[in-house]
C-alpha atoms as a PDB file:
ATOM      1  CA  UNK A   1     151.495  12.115 131.406  1.00  0.00           C
ATOM      2  CA  UNK A   2     149.591  12.785 134.627  1.00  0.00           C
ATOM      3  CA  UNK A   3     149.700  16.144 136.406  1.00  0.00           C
ATOM      4  CA  UNK A   4     151.651  14.585 139.293  1.00  0.00           C
ATOM      5  CA  UNK A   5     154.262  13.121 136.935  1.00  0.00           C
ATOM      6  CA  UNK A   6     154.459  16.394 134.996  1.00  0.00           C
ATOM      7  CA  UNK A   7     155.134  18.327 138.209  1.00  0.00           C
ATOM      8  CA  UNK A   8     157.650  15.731 139.384  1.00  0.00           C
ATOM      9  CA  UNK A   9     159.466  15.946 136.022  1.00  0.00           C
ATOM     10  CA  UNK A  10     159.509  19.739 136.188  1.00  0.00           C
ATOM     11  CA  UNK A  11     161.067  19.695 139.649  1.00  0.00           C
ATOM     12  CA  UNK A  12     163.740  17.209 138.598  1.00  0.00           C
ATOM     13  CA  UNK A  13     164.586  19.362 135.568  1.00  0.00           C
ATOM     14  CA  UNK A  14     164.683  22.458 137.765  1.00  0.00           C
ATOM     15  CA  UNK A  15     167.032  20.952 140.356  1.00  0.00           C
ATOM     16  CA  UNK A  16     169.376  19.756 137.608  1.00  0.00           C
ATOM     17  CA  UNK A  17     169.210  23.148 135.855  1.00  0.00           C
ATOM     18  CA  UNK A  18     169.976  25.072 139.047  1.00  0.00           C
ATOM     19  CA  UNK A  19     172.954  22.844 139.848  1.00  0.00           C
ATOM     20  CA  UNK A  20     174.281  22.959 136.273  1.00  0.00           C
ATOM     21  CA  UNK A  21     174.032  26.754 136.104  1.00  0.00           C
ATOM     22  CA  UNK A  22     175.545  27.236 139.563  1.00  0.00           C
ATOM     23  CA  UNK A  23     178.572  25.124 138.626  1.00  0.00           C
ATOM     24  CA  UNK A  24     179.103  25.908 134.954  1.00  0.00           C
ATOM     25  CA  UNK A  25     177.225  29.144 134.367  1.00  0.00           C
ATOM     26  CA  UNK A  26     175.729  30.120 131.020  1.00  0.00           C
ATOM     27  CA  UNK A  27     176.111  27.313 128.402  1.00  0.00           C
ATOM     28  CA  UNK A  28     177.756  29.460 125.713  1.00  0.00           C
ATOM     29  CA  UNK A  29     178.766  26.555 123.421  1.00  0.00           C
ATOM     30  CA  UNK A  30     175.128  25.463 123.196  1.00  0.00           C
ATOM     31  CA  UNK A  31     173.978  28.758 121.711  1.00  0.00           C
ATOM     32  CA  UNK A  32     177.163  29.792 119.888  1.00  0.00           C
ATOM     33  CA  UNK A  33     175.690  29.095 116.482  1.00  0.00           C
ATOM     34  CA  UNK A  34     171.945  29.452 117.002  1.00  0.00           C
ATOM     35  CA  UNK A  35     171.826  32.323 119.551  1.00  0.00           C
ATOM     36  CA  UNK A  36     169.923  32.364 122.828  1.00  0.00           C
ATOM     37  CA  UNK A  37     166.082  32.203 122.887  1.00  0.00           C
ATOM     38  CA  UNK A  38     166.048  35.654 124.491  1.00  0.00           C
ATOM     39  CA  UNK A  39     167.839  36.979 121.387  1.00  0.00           C
ATOM     40  CA  UNK A  40     165.144  35.454 119.179  1.00  0.00           C
ATOM     41  CA  UNK A  41     162.479  36.919 121.439  1.00  0.00           C
ATOM     42  CA  UNK A  42     164.060  40.360 121.312  1.00  0.00           C
ATOM     43  CA  UNK A  43     164.418  40.230 117.540  1.00  0.00           C
ATOM     44  CA  UNK A  44     160.767  39.241 117.025  1.00  0.00           C
ATOM     45  CA  UNK A  45     159.611  41.896 119.484  1.00  0.00           C
ATOM     46  CA  UNK A  46     161.738  44.559 117.816  1.00  0.00           C
ATOM     47  CA  UNK A  47     160.291  43.761 114.388  1.00  0.00           C
ATOM     48  CA  UNK A  48     156.710  43.943 115.667  1.00  0.00           C
ATOM     49  CA  UNK A  49     157.367  47.131 117.641  1.00  0.00           C
ATOM     50  CA  UNK A  50     158.788  48.982 114.630  1.00  0.00           C
ATOM     51  CA  UNK A  51     155.756  48.002 112.563  1.00  0.00           C
ATOM     52  CA  UNK A  52     152.972  48.388 115.170  1.00  0.00           C
ATOM     53  CA  UNK A  53     154.172  51.291 117.291  1.00  0.00           C
ATOM     54  CA  UNK A  54     154.510  54.049 114.730  1.00  0.00           C
ATOM     55  CA  UNK A  55     154.276  57.545 116.284  1.00  0.00           C
ATOM     56  CA  UNK A  56     151.551  58.479 113.785  1.00  0.00           C
ATOM     57  CA  UNK A  57     149.134  55.906 115.248  1.00  0.00           C
ATOM     58  CA  UNK A  58     146.607  57.064 117.869  1.00  0.00           C
ATOM     59  CA  UNK A  59     147.289  56.165 121.500  1.00  0.00           C
ATOM     60  CA  UNK A  60     144.404  53.723 121.697  1.00  0.00           C
ATOM     61  CA  UNK A  61     145.637  51.818 118.646  1.00  0.00           C
ATOM     62  CA  UNK A  62     149.193  51.689 119.975  1.00  0.00           C
ATOM     63  CA  UNK A  63     147.934  50.279 123.265  1.00  0.00           C
ATOM     64  CA  UNK A  64     145.932  47.588 121.446  1.00  0.00           C
ATOM     65  CA  UNK A  65     148.864  46.776 119.178  1.00  0.00           C
ATOM     66  CA  UNK A  66     151.140  46.434 122.192  1.00  0.00           C
ATOM     67  CA  UNK A  67     148.745  43.967 123.797  1.00  0.00           C
ATOM     68  CA  UNK A  68     148.489  41.915 120.600  1.00  0.00           C
ATOM     69  CA  UNK A  69     152.275  42.011 120.224  1.00  0.00           C
ATOM     70  CA  UNK A  70     152.811  40.635 123.749  1.00  0.00           C
ATOM     71  CA  UNK A  71     150.225  37.876 123.218  1.00  0.00           C
ATOM     72  CA  UNK A  72     151.823  36.821 119.916  1.00  0.00           C
ATOM     73  CA  UNK A  73     155.204  36.716 121.646  1.00  0.00           C
ATOM     74  CA  UNK A  74     153.837  34.476 124.399  1.00  0.00           C
ATOM     75  CA  UNK A  75     152.131  32.093 121.986  1.00  0.00           C
ATOM     76  CA  UNK A  76     155.258  31.707 119.859  1.00  0.00           C
ATOM     77  CA  UNK A  77     157.526  31.231 122.902  1.00  0.00           C
ATOM     78  CA  UNK A  78     155.201  28.773 124.638  1.00  0.00           C
ATOM     79  CA  UNK A  79     154.586  26.786 121.465  1.00  0.00           C
ATOM     80  CA  UNK A  80     158.272  26.372 120.686  1.00  0.00           C
ATOM     81  CA  UNK A  81     159.120  25.331 124.257  1.00  0.00           C
ATOM     82  CA  UNK A  82     156.213  22.875 124.519  1.00  0.00           C
ATOM     83  CA  UNK A  83     157.199  21.191 121.265  1.00  0.00           C
ATOM     84  CA  UNK A  84     160.840  21.008 122.354  1.00  0.00           C
ATOM     85  CA  UNK A  85     160.222  19.573 125.822  1.00  0.00           C
ATOM     86  CA  UNK A  86     157.525  17.147 124.677  1.00  0.00           C
ATOM     87  CA  UNK A  87     159.658  15.900 121.778  1.00  0.00           C
ATOM     88  CA  UNK A  88     162.701  15.413 124.001  1.00  0.00           C
ATOM     89  CA  UNK A  89     160.791  13.482 126.663  1.00  0.00           C
ATOM     90  CA  UNK A  90     159.005  11.381 124.044  1.00  0.00           C
ATOM     91  CA  UNK A  91     161.909  10.474 121.766  1.00  0.00           C
ATOM     92  CA  UNK A  92     165.068  10.338 123.897  1.00  0.00           C
ATOM     93  CA  UNK A  93     165.905   8.011 126.793  1.00  0.00           C
ATOM     94  CA  UNK A  94     164.573   9.674 129.930  1.00  0.00           C
ATOM     95  CA  UNK A  95     167.971  10.605 131.389  1.00  0.00           C
ATOM     96  CA  UNK A  96     169.265  12.117 128.128  1.00  0.00           C
ATOM     97  CA  UNK A  97     165.995  13.987 127.614  1.00  0.00           C
ATOM     98  CA  UNK A  98     166.009  15.271 131.189  1.00  0.00           C
ATOM     99  CA  UNK A  99     169.622  16.417 130.948  1.00  0.00           C
ATOM    100  CA  UNK A 100     168.997  18.137 127.607  1.00  0.00           C
ATOM    101  CA  UNK A 101     165.963  20.025 128.883  1.00  0.00           C
ATOM    102  CA  UNK A 102     167.819  20.886 132.122  1.00  0.00           C
ATOM    103  CA  UNK A 103     170.729  22.400 130.163  1.00  0.00           C
ATOM    104  CA  UNK A 104     168.264  24.453 128.115  1.00  0.00           C
ATOM    105  CA  UNK A 105     166.478  25.560 131.297  1.00  0.00           C
ATOM    106  CA  UNK A 106     169.808  26.475 132.913  1.00  0.00           C
ATOM    107  CA  UNK A 107     170.341  29.090 130.198  1.00  0.00           C
ATOM    108  CA  UNK A 108     167.268  30.920 131.532  1.00  0.00           C
ATOM    109  CA  UNK A 109     168.702  31.222 135.057  1.00  0.00           C
ATOM    110  CA  UNK A 110     171.332  33.728 136.186  1.00  0.00           C
ATOM    111  CA  UNK A 111     172.694  32.595 139.541  1.00  0.00           C
ATOM    112  CA  UNK A 112     176.341  32.519 138.495  1.00  0.00           C
ATOM    113  CA  UNK A 113     176.296  35.404 136.004  1.00  0.00           C
ATOM    114  CA  UNK A 114     174.596  37.736 138.487  1.00  0.00           C
ATOM    115  CA  UNK A 115     177.213  36.855 141.090  1.00  0.00           C
ATOM    116  CA  UNK A 116     179.991  37.516 138.573  1.00  0.00           C
ATOM    117  CA  UNK A 117     178.604  40.913 137.559  1.00  0.00           C
ATOM    118  CA  UNK A 118     178.178  42.143 141.124  1.00  0.00           C
ATOM    119  CA  UNK A 119     181.584  40.721 142.072  1.00  0.00           C
ATOM    120  CA  UNK A 120     182.957  42.723 139.154  1.00  0.00           C
ATOM    121  CA  UNK A 121     181.734  45.932 140.753  1.00  0.00           C
ATOM    122  CA  UNK A 122     183.328  44.911 144.037  1.00  0.00           C
ATOM    123  CA  UNK A 123     186.621  44.067 142.328  1.00  0.00           C
ATOM    124  CA  UNK A 124     186.515  47.314 140.373  1.00  0.00           C
ATOM    125  CA  UNK A 125     186.116  49.404 143.513  1.00  0.00           C
ATOM    126  CA  UNK A 126     188.717  47.433 145.442  1.00  0.00           C
ATOM    127  CA  UNK A 127     191.224  47.316 142.580  1.00  0.00           C
ATOM    128  CA  UNK A 128     191.163  50.332 140.273  1.00  0.00           C
ATOM    129  CA  UNK A 129     188.882  52.562 142.318  1.00  0.00           C
ATOM    130  CA  UNK A 130     185.686  54.511 141.835  1.00  0.00           C
ATOM    131  CA  UNK A 131     185.886  54.997 138.056  1.00  0.00           C
ATOM    132  CA  UNK A 132     186.220  51.259 137.435  1.00  0.00           C
ATOM    133  CA  UNK A 133     183.443  50.533 139.927  1.00  0.00           C
ATOM    134  CA  UNK A 134     181.143  52.909 138.055  1.00  0.00           C
ATOM    135  CA  UNK A 135     182.089  51.302 134.725  1.00  0.00           C
ATOM    136  CA  UNK A 136     181.334  47.797 136.005  1.00  0.00           C
ATOM    137  CA  UNK A 137     178.067  48.997 137.549  1.00  0.00           C
ATOM    138  CA  UNK A 138     176.804  50.267 134.177  1.00  0.00           C
ATOM    139  CA  UNK A 139     176.512  46.652 133.031  1.00  0.00           C
ATOM    140  CA  UNK A 140     173.813  45.859 135.606  1.00  0.00           C
ATOM    141  CA  UNK A 141     171.867  49.085 136.275  1.00  0.00           C
ATOM    142  CA  UNK A 142     170.081  51.604 134.105  1.00  0.00           C
ATOM    143  CA  UNK A 143     170.659  54.642 136.294  1.00  0.00           C
ATOM    144  CA  UNK A 144     173.171  57.441 135.821  1.00  0.00           C
ATOM    145  CA  UNK A 145     176.338  56.167 137.486  1.00  0.00           C
ATOM    146  CA  UNK A 146     178.622  59.144 136.784  1.00  0.00           C
ATOM    147  CA  UNK A 147     177.352  61.120 139.768  1.00  0.00           C
ATOM    148  CA  UNK A 148     177.612  58.225 142.255  1.00  0.00           C
ATOM    149  CA  UNK A 149     180.263  58.207 144.941  1.00  0.00           C
ATOM    150  CA  UNK A 150     181.675  54.958 146.334  1.00  0.00           C
ATOM    151  CA  UNK A 151     178.764  54.523 148.745  1.00  0.00           C
ATOM    152  CA  UNK A 152     176.298  55.098 145.918  1.00  0.00           C
ATOM    153  CA  UNK A 153     178.013  52.548 143.678  1.00  0.00           C
ATOM    154  CA  UNK A 154     178.094  49.967 146.482  1.00  0.00           C
ATOM    155  CA  UNK A 155     174.448  50.552 147.350  1.00  0.00           C
ATOM    156  CA  UNK A 156     173.358  50.334 143.686  1.00  0.00           C
ATOM    157  CA  UNK A 157     175.241  47.055 143.244  1.00  0.00           C
ATOM    158  CA  UNK A 158     173.520  45.553 146.297  1.00  0.00           C
ATOM    159  CA  UNK A 159     170.112  46.808 145.145  1.00  0.00           C
ATOM    160  CA  UNK A 160     170.665  45.246 141.717  1.00  0.00           C
ATOM    161  CA  UNK A 161     171.740  41.978 143.329  1.00  0.00           C
ATOM    162  CA  UNK A 162     168.576  41.895 145.438  1.00  0.00           C
ATOM    163  CA  UNK A 163     166.156  42.811 142.647  1.00  0.00           C
ATOM    164  CA  UNK A 164     167.735  40.509 140.075  1.00  0.00           C
ATOM    165  CA  UNK A 165     167.773  37.624 142.531  1.00  0.00           C
ATOM    166  CA  UNK A 166     163.998  37.767 142.274  1.00  0.00           C
ATOM    167  CA  UNK A 167     163.692  38.572 138.548  1.00  0.00           C
ATOM    168  CA  UNK A 168     166.541  36.537 137.077  1.00  0.00           C
ATOM    169  CA  UNK A 169     166.901  33.626 139.497  1.00  0.00           C
ATOM    170  CA  UNK A 170     163.792  32.920 141.568  1.00  0.00           C
ATOM    171  CA  UNK A 171     161.136  33.828 138.988  1.00  0.00           C
ATOM    172  CA  UNK A 172     162.363  31.595 136.131  1.00  0.00           C
ATOM    173  CA  UNK A 173     162.941  28.808 138.674  1.00  0.00           C
ATOM    174  CA  UNK A 174     159.399  29.191 140.033  1.00  0.00           C
ATOM    175  CA  UNK A 175     157.788  29.051 136.609  1.00  0.00           C
ATOM    176  CA  UNK A 176     159.986  26.127 135.584  1.00  0.00           C
ATOM    177  CA  UNK A 177     158.743  24.234 138.656  1.00  0.00           C
ATOM    178  CA  UNK A 178     155.118  25.017 137.839  1.00  0.00           C
ATOM    179  CA  UNK A 179     155.107  24.706 134.041  1.00  0.00           C
ATOM    180  CA  UNK A 180     158.438  23.166 133.078  1.00  0.00           C
ATOM    181  CA  UNK A 181     160.681  24.547 130.352  1.00  0.00           C
ATOM    182  CA  UNK A 182     157.698  26.287 128.679  1.00  0.00           C
ATOM    183  CA  UNK A 183     157.011  28.181 131.913  1.00  0.00           C
ATOM    184  CA  UNK A 184     160.596  29.424 132.170  1.00  0.00           C
ATOM    185  CA  UNK A 185     160.691  30.370 128.475  1.00  0.00           C
ATOM    186  CA  UNK A 186     157.400  32.278 128.635  1.00  0.00           C
ATOM    187  CA  UNK A 187     158.542  34.068 131.788  1.00  0.00           C
ATOM    188  CA  UNK A 188     161.762  35.170 130.073  1.00  0.00           C
ATOM    189  CA  UNK A 189     159.753  36.358 127.076  1.00  0.00           C
ATOM    190  CA  UNK A 190     157.551  38.498 129.337  1.00  0.00           C
ATOM    191  CA  UNK A 191     160.578  39.809 131.224  1.00  0.00           C
ATOM    192  CA  UNK A 192     162.368  40.620 127.968  1.00  0.00           C
ATOM    193  CA  UNK A 193     159.300  42.442 126.664  1.00  0.00           C
ATOM    194  CA  UNK A 194     159.106  44.517 129.830  1.00  0.00           C
ATOM    195  CA  UNK A 195     162.792  45.442 129.626  1.00  0.00           C
ATOM    196  CA  UNK A 196     162.443  46.466 125.966  1.00  0.00           C
ATOM    197  CA  UNK A 197     159.075  48.212 125.802  1.00  0.00           C
ATOM    198  CA  UNK A 198     157.744  48.515 129.369  1.00  0.00           C
ATOM    199  CA  UNK A 199     159.011  52.055 129.863  1.00  0.00           C
ATOM    200  CA  UNK A 200     157.171  55.183 130.974  1.00  0.00           C
ATOM    201  CA  UNK A 201     158.372  57.389 128.126  1.00  0.00           C
ATOM    202  CA  UNK A 202     156.752  58.871 125.059  1.00  0.00           C
ATOM    203  CA  UNK A 203     157.618  55.979 122.763  1.00  0.00           C
ATOM    204  CA  UNK A 204     156.503  53.076 124.961  1.00  0.00           C
ATOM    205  CA  UNK A 205     154.019  54.508 127.478  1.00  0.00           C
ATOM    206  CA  UNK A 206     151.018  53.110 125.583  1.00  0.00           C
ATOM    207  CA  UNK A 207     152.518  50.335 123.488  1.00  0.00           C
ATOM    208  CA  UNK A 208     154.326  48.686 126.413  1.00  0.00           C
ATOM    209  CA  UNK A 209     151.642  49.094 129.085  1.00  0.00           C
ATOM    210  CA  UNK A 210     150.286  45.546 128.828  1.00  0.00           C
ATOM    211  CA  UNK A 211     153.791  44.010 128.869  1.00  0.00           C
ATOM    212  CA  UNK A 212     154.735  46.019 131.965  1.00  0.00           C
ATOM    213  CA  UNK A 213     151.586  44.991 133.851  1.00  0.00           C
ATOM    214  CA  UNK A 214     152.040  41.365 132.800  1.00  0.00           C
ATOM    215  CA  UNK A 215     155.629  41.407 134.058  1.00  0.00           C
ATOM    216  CA  UNK A 216     154.456  42.749 137.414  1.00  0.00           C
ATOM    217  CA  UNK A 217     151.905  39.939 137.614  1.00  0.00           C
ATOM    218  CA  UNK A 218     154.207  37.016 136.807  1.00  0.00           C
ATOM    219  CA  UNK A 219     156.846  38.324 139.236  1.00  0.00           C
ATOM    220  CA  UNK A 220     154.458  38.518 142.206  1.00  0.00           C
ATOM    221  CA  UNK A 221     155.058  34.980 143.568  1.00  0.00           C
ATOM    222  CA  UNK A 222     158.818  35.082 142.987  1.00  0.00           C
ATOM    223  CA  UNK A 223     159.320  38.405 144.753  1.00  0.00           C
ATOM    224  CA  UNK A 224     157.672  37.066 147.913  1.00  0.00           C
ATOM    225  CA  UNK A 225     159.545  33.777 147.618  1.00  0.00           C
ATOM    226  CA  UNK A 226     162.878  35.569 147.147  1.00  0.00           C
ATOM    227  CA  UNK A 227     162.290  37.509 150.371  1.00  0.00           C
ATOM    228  CA  UNK A 228     161.649  34.202 152.169  1.00  0.00           C
ATOM    229  CA  UNK A 229     164.887  32.686 150.834  1.00  0.00           C
ATOM    230  CA  UNK A 230     166.812  35.785 151.974  1.00  0.00           C
ATOM    231  CA  UNK A 231     165.295  35.649 155.469  1.00  0.00           C
ATOM    232  CA  UNK A 232     166.208  31.959 155.765  1.00  0.00           C
ATOM    233  CA  UNK A 233     169.689  32.618 154.367  1.00  0.00           C
ATOM    234  CA  UNK A 234     170.205  35.329 156.985  1.00  0.00           C
ATOM    235  CA  UNK A 235     169.852  32.642 159.673  1.00  0.00           C
ATOM    236  CA  UNK A 236     172.889  30.861 158.238  1.00  0.00           C
ATOM    237  CA  UNK A 237     174.927  33.985 157.407  1.00  0.00           C
ATOM    238  CA  UNK A 238     177.254  35.427 160.023  1.00  0.00           C
ATOM    239  CA  UNK A 239     176.502  39.063 160.744  1.00  0.00           C
ATOM    240  CA  UNK A 240     173.077  38.975 159.050  1.00  0.00           C
ATOM    241  CA  UNK A 241     169.798  39.438 160.895  1.00  0.00           C
ATOM    242  CA  UNK A 242     166.769  37.335 159.902  1.00  0.00           C
ATOM    243  CA  UNK A 243     164.561  39.346 162.274  1.00  0.00           C
ATOM    244  CA  UNK A 244     165.845  42.571 160.739  1.00  0.00           C
ATOM    245  CA  UNK A 245     165.016  41.203 157.287  1.00  0.00           C
ATOM    246  CA  UNK A 246     161.493  40.230 158.364  1.00  0.00           C
ATOM    247  CA  UNK A 247     160.887  43.596 159.990  1.00  0.00           C
ATOM    248  CA  UNK A 248     162.063  45.536 156.927  1.00  0.00           C
ATOM    249  CA  UNK A 249     159.925  43.425 154.576  1.00  0.00           C
ATOM    250  CA  UNK A 250     156.790  43.901 156.687  1.00  0.00           C
ATOM    251  CA  UNK A 251     157.329  47.648 157.035  1.00  0.00           C
ATOM    252  CA  UNK A 252     158.899  48.730 153.745  1.00  0.00           C
ATOM    253  CA  UNK A 253     158.226  46.280 150.877  1.00  0.00           C
ATOM    254  CA  UNK A 254     154.811  47.706 150.006  1.00  0.00           C
ATOM    255  CA  UNK A 255     156.187  51.265 149.960  1.00  0.00           C
ATOM    256  CA  UNK A 256     158.393  50.591 146.915  1.00  0.00           C
ATOM    257  CA  UNK A 257     157.180  52.024 143.603  1.00  0.00           C
ATOM    258  CA  UNK A 258     157.392  48.491 142.177  1.00  0.00           C
ATOM    259  CA  UNK A 259     154.923  45.889 143.499  1.00  0.00           C
ATOM    260  CA  UNK A 260     157.769  43.351 143.505  1.00  0.00           C
ATOM    261  CA  UNK A 261     161.244  44.898 143.846  1.00  0.00           C
ATOM    262  CA  UNK A 262     160.626  46.092 147.398  1.00  0.00           C
ATOM    263  CA  UNK A 263     160.421  42.548 148.779  1.00  0.00           C
ATOM    264  CA  UNK A 264     163.973  41.329 148.073  1.00  0.00           C
ATOM    265  CA  UNK A 265     165.445  44.827 148.510  1.00  0.00           C
ATOM    266  CA  UNK A 266     163.846  45.272 151.918  1.00  0.00           C
ATOM    267  CA  UNK A 267     164.888  41.759 152.968  1.00  0.00           C
ATOM    268  CA  UNK A 268     168.532  42.377 152.030  1.00  0.00           C
ATOM    269  CA  UNK A 269     168.526  45.838 153.624  1.00  0.00           C
ATOM    270  CA  UNK A 270     167.106  44.533 156.883  1.00  0.00           C
ATOM    271  CA  UNK A 271     169.359  41.478 156.939  1.00  0.00           C
ATOM    272  CA  UNK A 272     172.542  43.541 156.457  1.00  0.00           C
ATOM    273  CA  UNK A 273     171.577  46.618 158.479  1.00  0.00           C
ATOM    274  CA  UNK A 274     171.530  48.887 155.422  1.00  0.00           C
ATOM    275  CA  UNK A 275     169.212  51.419 153.844  1.00  0.00           C
ATOM    276  CA  UNK A 276     168.580  50.728 150.151  1.00  0.00           C
ATOM    277  CA  UNK A 277     166.519  52.337 147.435  1.00  0.00           C
ATOM    278  CA  UNK A 278     165.574  55.959 147.980  1.00  0.00           C
ATOM    279  CA  UNK A 279     165.871  58.788 145.428  1.00  0.00           C
ATOM    280  CA  UNK A 280     167.858  57.936 142.288  1.00  0.00           C
ATOM    281  CA  UNK A 281     168.710  59.518 138.966  1.00  0.00           C
ATOM    282  CA  UNK A 282     168.165  57.777 135.626  1.00  0.00           C
ATOM    283  CA  UNK A 283     169.321  59.225 132.286  1.00  0.00           C
ATOM    284  CA  UNK A 284     165.786  60.346 131.394  1.00  0.00           C
ATOM    285  CA  UNK A 285     164.136  60.896 134.779  1.00  0.00           C
ATOM    286  CA  UNK A 286     164.490  61.322 138.520  1.00  0.00           C
ATOM    287  CA  UNK A 287     162.790  58.725 140.756  1.00  0.00           C
ATOM    288  CA  UNK A 288     161.930  59.695 144.318  1.00  0.00           C
ATOM    289  CA  UNK A 289     161.551  56.190 145.704  1.00  0.00           C
ATOM    290  CA  UNK A 290     161.027  55.072 149.297  1.00  0.00           C
ATOM    291  CA  UNK A 291     163.899  53.806 151.410  1.00  0.00           C
ATOM    292  CA  UNK A 292     164.064  50.095 152.233  1.00  0.00           C
ATOM    293  CA  UNK A 293     165.458  49.356 155.710  1.00  0.00           C
ATOM    294  CA  UNK A 294     166.558  51.802 158.386  1.00  0.00           C
ATOM    295  CA  UNK A 295     170.299  51.081 158.628  1.00  0.00           C
ATOM    296  CA  UNK A 296     173.312  52.769 157.051  1.00  0.00           C
ATOM    297  CA  UNK A 297     172.882  54.439 153.667  1.00  0.00           C
ATOM    298  CA  UNK A 298     176.683  54.701 153.367  1.00  0.00           C
ATOM    299  CA  UNK A 299     177.316  51.247 151.922  1.00  0.00           C
ATOM    300  CA  UNK A 300     180.882  50.014 151.461  1.00  0.00           C
ATOM    301  CA  UNK A 301     182.661  47.438 149.279  1.00  0.00           C
ATOM    302  CA  UNK A 302     182.625  45.175 152.351  1.00  0.00           C
ATOM    303  CA  UNK A 303     178.831  45.400 152.301  1.00  0.00           C
ATOM    304  CA  UNK A 304     178.821  44.153 148.695  1.00  0.00           C
ATOM    305  CA  UNK A 305     180.865  41.174 149.873  1.00  0.00           C
ATOM    306  CA  UNK A 306     178.380  40.548 152.702  1.00  0.00           C
ATOM    307  CA  UNK A 307     175.478  40.799 150.264  1.00  0.00           C
ATOM    308  CA  UNK A 308     177.129  38.279 147.929  1.00  0.00           C
ATOM    309  CA  UNK A 309     177.587  35.892 150.847  1.00  0.00           C
ATOM    310  CA  UNK A 310     173.891  36.222 151.679  1.00  0.00           C
ATOM    311  CA  UNK A 311     173.023  35.767 148.011  1.00  0.00           C
ATOM    312  CA  UNK A 312     175.003  32.521 147.706  1.00  0.00           C
ATOM    313  CA  UNK A 313     173.197  31.064 150.691  1.00  0.00           C
ATOM    314  CA  UNK A 314     169.843  32.195 149.296  1.00  0.00           C
ATOM    315  CA  UNK A 315     170.583  30.372 146.036  1.00  0.00           C
ATOM    316  CA  UNK A 316     171.630  27.256 147.958  1.00  0.00           C
ATOM    317  CA  UNK A 317     168.401  27.348 149.964  1.00  0.00           C
ATOM    318  CA  UNK A 318     166.354  27.551 146.764  1.00  0.00           C
ATOM    319  CA  UNK A 319     168.158  24.516 145.334  1.00  0.00           C
ATOM    320  CA  UNK A 320     167.642  22.592 148.581  1.00  0.00           C
ATOM    321  CA  UNK A 321     163.955  23.540 148.702  1.00  0.00           C
ATOM    322  CA  UNK A 322     163.395  22.365 145.127  1.00  0.00           C
ATOM    323  CA  UNK A 323     165.239  19.098 145.824  1.00  0.00           C
ATOM    324  CA  UNK A 324     163.275  18.439 149.017  1.00  0.00           C
ATOM    325  CA  UNK A 325     159.999  19.153 147.248  1.00  0.00           C
ATOM    326  CA  UNK A 326     160.957  16.710 144.499  1.00  0.00           C
ATOM    327  CA  UNK A 327     161.909  14.012 147.011  1.00  0.00           C
ATOM    328  CA  UNK A 328     158.662  14.527 148.915  1.00  0.00           C
ATOM    329  CA  UNK A 329     156.494  13.766 145.883  1.00  0.00           C
ATOM    330  CA  UNK A 330     158.688  11.260 144.053  1.00  0.00           C
ATOM    331  CA  UNK A 331     157.364   7.688 144.311  1.00  0.00           C
ATOM    332  CA  UNK A 332     159.267   5.285 146.515  1.00  0.00           C
END
């Protein structure tokens, strides 16, 4: 298979996966008996971490072990995905193979599930009130939600929507386009490793350092691309400002403590006339982060609804961009 055909196949799989996931969501029946690849990844990582990150080991050894652990995880994930995609494309009729790989790839995307989780926060606030909104928010953020008022809950939900648009939607799509199913699987393995061991606490500060830096690296292109999709979506979203989004990204994105999260957060803040980010309390630490945007900090449930509208258009633009790119390189 030539590089051009490989790229063309990847794009076709990606477009199908994005459409399948947008319509049907997570394919639960597919993984009901065998579990999701992320579960396998987490289980393997947990076993290695318990063995190679003992508190009695010196810091230097824990750092080395963490690097080896992440590399082993990547090799295993990439190998399994390469075998699976190659076997499917070699053995099955092309349309069955493509559909099978697309369904597998769709399980690594989170367009619909992210929308459902953030909508849950909105419905909780609008229906049962602040307590239910806080409870729904706990499913998507790691911060302390008990001290948040309604504005804080709404702002946190919008921030999570923006950041996860990059991490859970654009990034796996980008790597699927570049490297096919193996690219999406390896990205999810890196992202899972970062979420499990990439923490700045006593247990993981040294062991998870390599995984955290690797996650920052593989998310660099997606974070910039997600900001672009949001700016373009703002053009087609009533009440959103594409110029405001551009201005906030140029001024604020680099001020975020994360090299990536500031891009989509600033774009959403500028597009909706909000102020996102800022100081926040987590269970184990206080983070004095920079503000993204210069609008209202007092977000409302209506702002969550506006953010979801912008998000849906951003997802649609990504699907359209992938389809147009495929059509531009497809023969005939």
